[in-house]
N, C-alpha and C. Protein backbone atom coordinates (compact mmCIF):
# COMPACT_ATOMS: atom_id res chain seq x y z
N UNK A 1 52.32 4.24 -7.72
CA UNK A 1 50.94 4.27 -7.32
C UNK A 1 50.37 5.68 -7.21
N UNK A 2 51.11 6.70 -6.82
CA UNK A 2 50.52 8.02 -6.60
C UNK A 2 49.77 8.59 -7.80
N UNK A 3 50.22 8.31 -9.02
CA UNK A 3 49.56 8.87 -10.19
C UNK A 3 48.15 8.35 -10.39
N UNK A 4 47.81 7.21 -9.82
CA UNK A 4 46.47 6.65 -9.96
C UNK A 4 45.58 6.94 -8.76
N UNK A 5 46.11 7.52 -7.72
CA UNK A 5 45.33 7.71 -6.49
C UNK A 5 44.11 8.58 -6.67
N UNK A 6 44.10 9.42 -7.69
CA UNK A 6 42.92 10.25 -7.94
C UNK A 6 41.92 9.53 -8.83
N UNK A 7 42.27 8.37 -9.31
CA UNK A 7 41.40 7.61 -10.21
C UNK A 7 40.46 6.71 -9.40
N UNK A 8 39.22 6.72 -9.76
CA UNK A 8 38.19 5.96 -9.05
C UNK A 8 38.21 4.49 -9.48
N UNK A 9 38.01 3.61 -8.50
CA UNK A 9 37.94 2.18 -8.73
C UNK A 9 36.54 1.68 -8.37
N UNK A 10 35.95 0.91 -9.27
CA UNK A 10 34.66 0.28 -9.03
C UNK A 10 34.89 -1.17 -8.62
N UNK A 11 34.45 -1.51 -7.41
CA UNK A 11 34.51 -2.89 -6.93
C UNK A 11 33.18 -3.53 -7.29
N UNK A 12 33.19 -4.44 -8.24
CA UNK A 12 31.97 -5.09 -8.70
C UNK A 12 31.86 -6.47 -8.06
N UNK A 13 30.80 -6.65 -7.28
CA UNK A 13 30.63 -7.87 -6.50
C UNK A 13 30.96 -7.60 -5.04
N UNK A 14 30.80 -6.34 -4.62
CA UNK A 14 31.12 -5.93 -3.26
C UNK A 14 30.24 -6.66 -2.25
N UNK A 15 30.84 -7.01 -1.13
CA UNK A 15 30.14 -7.77 -0.09
C UNK A 15 30.29 -7.09 1.27
N UNK A 16 29.25 -7.21 2.08
CA UNK A 16 29.28 -6.71 3.46
C UNK A 16 30.02 -7.67 4.39
N UNK A 17 30.25 -8.89 3.93
CA UNK A 17 30.91 -9.91 4.74
C UNK A 17 32.42 -9.60 4.83
N UNK A 18 32.92 -9.33 6.05
CA UNK A 18 34.34 -8.96 6.18
C UNK A 18 35.31 -10.07 5.81
N UNK A 19 34.82 -11.28 5.61
CA UNK A 19 35.69 -12.38 5.20
C UNK A 19 35.82 -12.51 3.69
N UNK A 20 35.02 -11.77 2.95
CA UNK A 20 35.06 -11.83 1.48
C UNK A 20 36.17 -10.91 0.95
N UNK A 21 36.80 -11.35 -0.13
CA UNK A 21 37.91 -10.57 -0.68
C UNK A 21 37.46 -9.21 -1.19
N UNK A 22 36.24 -9.11 -1.70
CA UNK A 22 35.77 -7.80 -2.17
C UNK A 22 35.68 -6.81 -1.02
N UNK A 23 35.31 -7.27 0.16
CA UNK A 23 35.24 -6.43 1.34
C UNK A 23 36.64 -5.99 1.75
N UNK A 24 37.56 -6.92 1.75
CA UNK A 24 38.96 -6.60 2.08
C UNK A 24 39.51 -5.61 1.06
N UNK A 25 39.15 -5.79 -0.20
CA UNK A 25 39.61 -4.89 -1.26
C UNK A 25 39.12 -3.46 -1.01
N UNK A 26 37.86 -3.30 -0.65
CA UNK A 26 37.33 -1.97 -0.37
C UNK A 26 38.12 -1.33 0.76
N UNK A 27 38.34 -2.09 1.82
CA UNK A 27 39.12 -1.58 2.95
C UNK A 27 40.53 -1.17 2.53
N UNK A 28 41.18 -1.99 1.71
CA UNK A 28 42.53 -1.67 1.25
C UNK A 28 42.55 -0.45 0.34
N UNK A 29 41.59 -0.35 -0.57
CA UNK A 29 41.53 0.83 -1.44
C UNK A 29 41.37 2.10 -0.62
N UNK A 30 40.51 2.05 0.37
CA UNK A 30 40.32 3.22 1.26
C UNK A 30 41.62 3.50 2.02
N UNK A 31 42.26 2.46 2.54
CA UNK A 31 43.51 2.62 3.27
C UNK A 31 44.58 3.30 2.40
N UNK A 32 44.66 2.89 1.13
CA UNK A 32 45.65 3.47 0.22
C UNK A 32 45.15 4.75 -0.45
N UNK A 33 44.00 5.23 -0.01
CA UNK A 33 43.44 6.52 -0.43
C UNK A 33 43.00 6.58 -1.89
N UNK A 34 42.47 5.48 -2.39
CA UNK A 34 41.87 5.47 -3.73
C UNK A 34 40.38 5.75 -3.59
N UNK A 35 39.80 6.59 -4.45
CA UNK A 35 38.35 6.75 -4.44
C UNK A 35 37.68 5.45 -4.88
N UNK A 36 36.61 5.08 -4.20
CA UNK A 36 35.98 3.77 -4.44
C UNK A 36 34.48 3.93 -4.68
N UNK A 37 34.00 3.15 -5.64
CA UNK A 37 32.57 2.94 -5.84
C UNK A 37 32.38 1.44 -5.67
N UNK A 38 31.34 1.05 -4.94
CA UNK A 38 31.10 -0.37 -4.70
C UNK A 38 29.69 -0.75 -5.15
N UNK A 39 29.60 -1.86 -5.88
CA UNK A 39 28.31 -2.37 -6.35
C UNK A 39 28.21 -3.83 -5.94
N UNK A 40 27.09 -4.17 -5.30
CA UNK A 40 26.89 -5.53 -4.84
C UNK A 40 25.42 -5.89 -4.81
N UNK A 41 25.11 -7.03 -4.23
CA UNK A 41 23.73 -7.50 -4.16
C UNK A 41 22.94 -6.85 -3.03
N UNK A 42 23.64 -6.40 -2.00
CA UNK A 42 22.99 -5.79 -0.84
C UNK A 42 23.60 -4.43 -0.55
N UNK A 43 22.74 -3.48 -0.22
CA UNK A 43 23.24 -2.17 0.18
C UNK A 43 23.78 -2.25 1.59
N UNK A 44 24.73 -1.39 1.87
CA UNK A 44 25.33 -1.33 3.19
C UNK A 44 26.57 -0.47 3.10
N UNK A 45 27.40 -0.53 4.12
CA UNK A 45 28.59 0.29 4.16
C UNK A 45 29.81 -0.52 4.59
N UNK A 46 30.91 -0.28 3.89
CA UNK A 46 32.19 -0.90 4.20
C UNK A 46 33.23 0.20 4.17
N UNK A 47 33.94 0.39 5.25
CA UNK A 47 35.02 1.39 5.34
C UNK A 47 34.55 2.78 4.91
N UNK A 48 33.31 3.09 5.22
CA UNK A 48 32.75 4.39 4.86
C UNK A 48 32.26 4.49 3.44
N UNK A 49 32.33 3.41 2.69
CA UNK A 49 31.88 3.38 1.30
C UNK A 49 30.51 2.71 1.24
N UNK A 50 29.56 3.38 0.61
CA UNK A 50 28.21 2.83 0.48
C UNK A 50 28.19 1.83 -0.68
N UNK A 51 27.77 0.60 -0.39
CA UNK A 51 27.60 -0.40 -1.44
C UNK A 51 26.24 -0.16 -2.08
N UNK A 52 26.25 0.04 -3.39
CA UNK A 52 25.03 0.30 -4.15
C UNK A 52 24.57 -0.99 -4.83
N UNK A 53 23.29 -1.08 -5.06
CA UNK A 53 22.71 -2.20 -5.82
C UNK A 53 22.42 -1.75 -7.24
N UNK A 54 22.23 -2.72 -8.12
CA UNK A 54 21.81 -2.41 -9.48
C UNK A 54 22.94 -1.93 -10.36
N UNK A 55 22.61 -0.96 -11.21
CA UNK A 55 23.55 -0.43 -12.20
C UNK A 55 23.63 1.09 -12.03
N UNK A 56 24.26 1.56 -10.98
CA UNK A 56 24.28 3.00 -10.70
C UNK A 56 25.10 3.77 -11.72
N UNK A 57 24.68 5.00 -11.97
CA UNK A 57 25.46 5.91 -12.82
C UNK A 57 26.73 6.29 -12.06
N UNK A 58 27.85 6.15 -12.70
CA UNK A 58 29.13 6.52 -12.09
C UNK A 58 29.97 7.25 -13.12
N UNK A 59 30.78 8.17 -12.65
CA UNK A 59 31.65 8.94 -13.53
C UNK A 59 33.11 8.70 -13.17
N UNK A 60 33.95 8.92 -14.14
CA UNK A 60 35.40 8.94 -13.93
C UNK A 60 35.93 7.68 -13.25
N UNK A 61 35.50 6.52 -13.72
CA UNK A 61 36.02 5.26 -13.19
C UNK A 61 37.22 4.85 -14.04
N UNK A 62 38.34 4.69 -13.40
CA UNK A 62 39.55 4.24 -14.09
C UNK A 62 39.60 2.72 -14.17
N UNK A 63 39.29 2.06 -13.04
CA UNK A 63 39.45 0.61 -12.95
C UNK A 63 38.19 -0.05 -12.42
N UNK A 64 37.81 -1.15 -13.06
CA UNK A 64 36.79 -2.04 -12.51
C UNK A 64 37.54 -3.27 -12.02
N UNK A 65 37.37 -3.61 -10.75
CA UNK A 65 37.97 -4.83 -10.23
C UNK A 65 36.85 -5.82 -9.95
N UNK A 66 36.95 -6.98 -10.60
CA UNK A 66 35.87 -7.97 -10.61
C UNK A 66 35.96 -8.92 -9.42
N UNK A 67 34.84 -9.04 -8.72
CA UNK A 67 34.68 -10.03 -7.66
C UNK A 67 33.40 -10.83 -7.89
N UNK A 68 33.07 -11.03 -9.16
CA UNK A 68 31.94 -11.85 -9.57
C UNK A 68 32.46 -12.94 -10.48
N UNK A 69 31.98 -14.15 -10.28
CA UNK A 69 32.34 -15.23 -11.19
C UNK A 69 31.77 -14.96 -12.57
N UNK A 70 32.36 -15.55 -13.61
CA UNK A 70 31.91 -15.28 -14.97
C UNK A 70 30.43 -15.56 -15.18
N UNK A 71 29.88 -16.53 -14.47
CA UNK A 71 28.46 -16.86 -14.61
C UNK A 71 27.55 -15.75 -14.10
N UNK A 72 28.09 -14.84 -13.30
CA UNK A 72 27.29 -13.74 -12.74
C UNK A 72 27.62 -12.39 -13.38
N UNK A 73 28.44 -12.37 -14.41
CA UNK A 73 28.87 -11.12 -15.03
C UNK A 73 27.99 -10.67 -16.19
N UNK A 74 27.23 -11.57 -16.78
CA UNK A 74 26.49 -11.26 -18.01
C UNK A 74 25.67 -9.98 -17.89
N UNK A 75 24.95 -9.82 -16.80
CA UNK A 75 24.09 -8.64 -16.63
C UNK A 75 24.87 -7.34 -16.50
N UNK A 76 26.18 -7.42 -16.29
CA UNK A 76 27.00 -6.23 -16.09
C UNK A 76 27.86 -5.86 -17.31
N UNK A 77 27.93 -6.71 -18.31
CA UNK A 77 28.84 -6.47 -19.43
C UNK A 77 28.50 -5.15 -20.14
N UNK A 78 27.26 -4.95 -20.52
CA UNK A 78 26.87 -3.70 -21.17
C UNK A 78 27.10 -2.51 -20.25
N UNK A 79 26.79 -2.67 -18.98
CA UNK A 79 26.99 -1.61 -17.98
C UNK A 79 28.46 -1.22 -17.90
N UNK A 80 29.34 -2.20 -17.81
CA UNK A 80 30.77 -1.91 -17.71
C UNK A 80 31.27 -1.19 -18.96
N UNK A 81 30.92 -1.72 -20.12
CA UNK A 81 31.47 -1.20 -21.38
C UNK A 81 30.84 0.11 -21.82
N UNK A 82 29.54 0.31 -21.57
CA UNK A 82 28.84 1.46 -22.13
C UNK A 82 28.45 2.54 -21.12
N UNK A 83 28.46 2.20 -19.85
CA UNK A 83 28.12 3.20 -18.83
C UNK A 83 29.38 3.58 -18.04
N UNK A 84 30.05 2.58 -17.49
CA UNK A 84 31.23 2.84 -16.67
C UNK A 84 32.41 3.28 -17.54
N UNK A 85 32.63 2.59 -18.63
CA UNK A 85 33.71 2.90 -19.58
C UNK A 85 35.07 3.06 -18.89
N UNK A 86 35.54 2.00 -18.23
CA UNK A 86 36.81 2.10 -17.52
C UNK A 86 37.99 2.06 -18.47
N UNK A 87 39.15 2.43 -17.94
CA UNK A 87 40.39 2.29 -18.69
C UNK A 87 41.01 0.92 -18.47
N UNK A 88 40.58 0.25 -17.37
CA UNK A 88 41.18 -1.04 -17.02
C UNK A 88 40.15 -1.90 -16.31
N UNK A 89 40.21 -3.21 -16.57
CA UNK A 89 39.42 -4.21 -15.84
C UNK A 89 40.41 -5.21 -15.26
N UNK A 90 40.29 -5.44 -13.96
CA UNK A 90 41.11 -6.45 -13.30
C UNK A 90 40.22 -7.66 -13.00
N UNK A 91 40.59 -8.79 -13.56
CA UNK A 91 39.91 -10.05 -13.26
C UNK A 91 40.67 -10.72 -12.13
N UNK A 92 40.12 -10.67 -10.93
CA UNK A 92 40.72 -11.33 -9.78
C UNK A 92 40.59 -12.84 -9.95
N UNK A 93 41.33 -13.64 -9.17
CA UNK A 93 41.24 -15.10 -9.30
C UNK A 93 39.79 -15.59 -9.24
N UNK A 94 39.44 -16.44 -10.20
CA UNK A 94 38.11 -17.01 -10.27
C UNK A 94 37.09 -16.18 -11.02
N UNK A 95 37.51 -15.03 -11.58
CA UNK A 95 36.56 -14.15 -12.26
C UNK A 95 36.81 -14.03 -13.76
N UNK A 96 37.82 -14.71 -14.27
CA UNK A 96 38.17 -14.56 -15.69
C UNK A 96 36.98 -14.87 -16.58
N UNK A 97 36.73 -13.96 -17.53
CA UNK A 97 35.63 -14.11 -18.47
C UNK A 97 36.15 -13.71 -19.85
N UNK A 98 36.43 -14.68 -20.72
CA UNK A 98 37.01 -14.36 -22.03
C UNK A 98 36.08 -13.51 -22.89
N UNK A 99 34.77 -13.65 -22.73
CA UNK A 99 33.83 -12.85 -23.53
C UNK A 99 33.97 -11.38 -23.17
N UNK A 100 33.91 -11.07 -21.88
CA UNK A 100 34.07 -9.68 -21.44
C UNK A 100 35.47 -9.17 -21.76
N UNK A 101 36.47 -10.00 -21.56
CA UNK A 101 37.85 -9.59 -21.84
C UNK A 101 38.03 -9.21 -23.31
N UNK A 102 37.51 -10.03 -24.22
CA UNK A 102 37.63 -9.74 -25.65
C UNK A 102 36.90 -8.45 -26.02
N UNK A 103 35.70 -8.27 -25.47
CA UNK A 103 34.94 -7.04 -25.76
C UNK A 103 35.66 -5.82 -25.21
N UNK A 104 36.26 -5.96 -24.05
CA UNK A 104 37.00 -4.84 -23.45
C UNK A 104 38.24 -4.51 -24.28
N UNK A 105 38.98 -5.52 -24.67
CA UNK A 105 40.18 -5.29 -25.48
C UNK A 105 39.83 -4.63 -26.80
N UNK A 106 38.69 -4.99 -27.39
CA UNK A 106 38.26 -4.39 -28.65
C UNK A 106 37.98 -2.89 -28.48
N UNK A 107 37.77 -2.45 -27.25
CA UNK A 107 37.54 -1.03 -26.96
C UNK A 107 38.77 -0.38 -26.35
N UNK A 108 39.90 -1.05 -26.48
CA UNK A 108 41.17 -0.57 -25.95
C UNK A 108 41.16 -0.38 -24.44
N UNK A 109 40.43 -1.24 -23.74
CA UNK A 109 40.43 -1.26 -22.29
C UNK A 109 41.49 -2.27 -21.86
N UNK A 110 42.39 -1.86 -20.98
CA UNK A 110 43.42 -2.76 -20.47
C UNK A 110 42.77 -3.86 -19.65
N UNK A 111 43.13 -5.10 -19.92
CA UNK A 111 42.60 -6.26 -19.21
C UNK A 111 43.75 -6.93 -18.47
N UNK A 112 43.55 -7.13 -17.16
CA UNK A 112 44.58 -7.77 -16.36
C UNK A 112 43.97 -8.93 -15.58
N UNK A 113 44.71 -10.02 -15.49
CA UNK A 113 44.30 -11.15 -14.66
C UNK A 113 45.26 -11.20 -13.49
N UNK A 114 44.90 -10.46 -12.46
CA UNK A 114 45.76 -10.33 -11.29
C UNK A 114 44.89 -10.26 -10.05
N UNK A 115 45.53 -10.19 -8.91
CA UNK A 115 44.85 -10.03 -7.64
C UNK A 115 44.99 -8.58 -7.20
N UNK A 116 43.89 -7.89 -7.10
CA UNK A 116 43.92 -6.48 -6.70
C UNK A 116 44.58 -6.31 -5.34
N UNK A 117 44.33 -7.21 -4.42
CA UNK A 117 44.92 -7.10 -3.09
C UNK A 117 46.44 -7.16 -3.14
N UNK A 118 46.97 -8.06 -3.95
CA UNK A 118 48.43 -8.14 -4.10
C UNK A 118 48.98 -6.92 -4.81
N UNK A 119 48.25 -6.43 -5.79
CA UNK A 119 48.68 -5.24 -6.51
C UNK A 119 48.77 -4.04 -5.57
N UNK A 120 47.78 -3.89 -4.71
CA UNK A 120 47.77 -2.78 -3.75
C UNK A 120 48.93 -2.91 -2.76
N UNK A 121 49.06 -4.10 -2.16
CA UNK A 121 50.10 -4.26 -1.14
C UNK A 121 51.50 -4.22 -1.74
N UNK A 122 51.62 -4.60 -3.02
CA UNK A 122 52.92 -4.57 -3.69
C UNK A 122 53.26 -3.24 -4.30
N UNK A 123 52.31 -2.30 -4.29
CA UNK A 123 52.58 -0.96 -4.79
C UNK A 123 52.51 -0.83 -6.30
N UNK A 124 51.89 -1.80 -7.00
CA UNK A 124 51.80 -1.70 -8.46
C UNK A 124 50.35 -1.71 -8.95
N UNK A 125 49.47 -1.16 -8.15
CA UNK A 125 48.06 -1.07 -8.54
C UNK A 125 47.91 -0.01 -9.60
C-alpha cells in the first residue's frame, strides 16, 4: 500500500450520511493517509474532505472509486475518461457498468470490481 499513498483517489457518489459506504470510504482513505477528492450531490465535509458538486477540475487522480449505480453514471463518463483520466476505476458492489468499463479498458485504465473498503482494510488498495 505505501507506494500508492501519494496517489489521489476520487470518491464519486460521496455522501454526507455517515451510514453510506461512500462516507465510510472517505473516512478510511483519510485514516490510511490517501489524498482524497470527493464528488457528490451535496456539498459538505467528511473527515476534513470537502465534498464538491458537479464536475470539478482535478489533477493527479490515480483511482476513481464508484459509489453511484450504473443508472446515475452516464453524466460522469466523459468527465472520468477525459478530465479525471485515472489509472484505475474501482466498481464497488452495485456499481458495475459494462459501458464505462469497456471504454476505460480501451484507454488502458485498470478496471476492478471490488470493494474499496475491503481493499483498504486488507492492505491491497
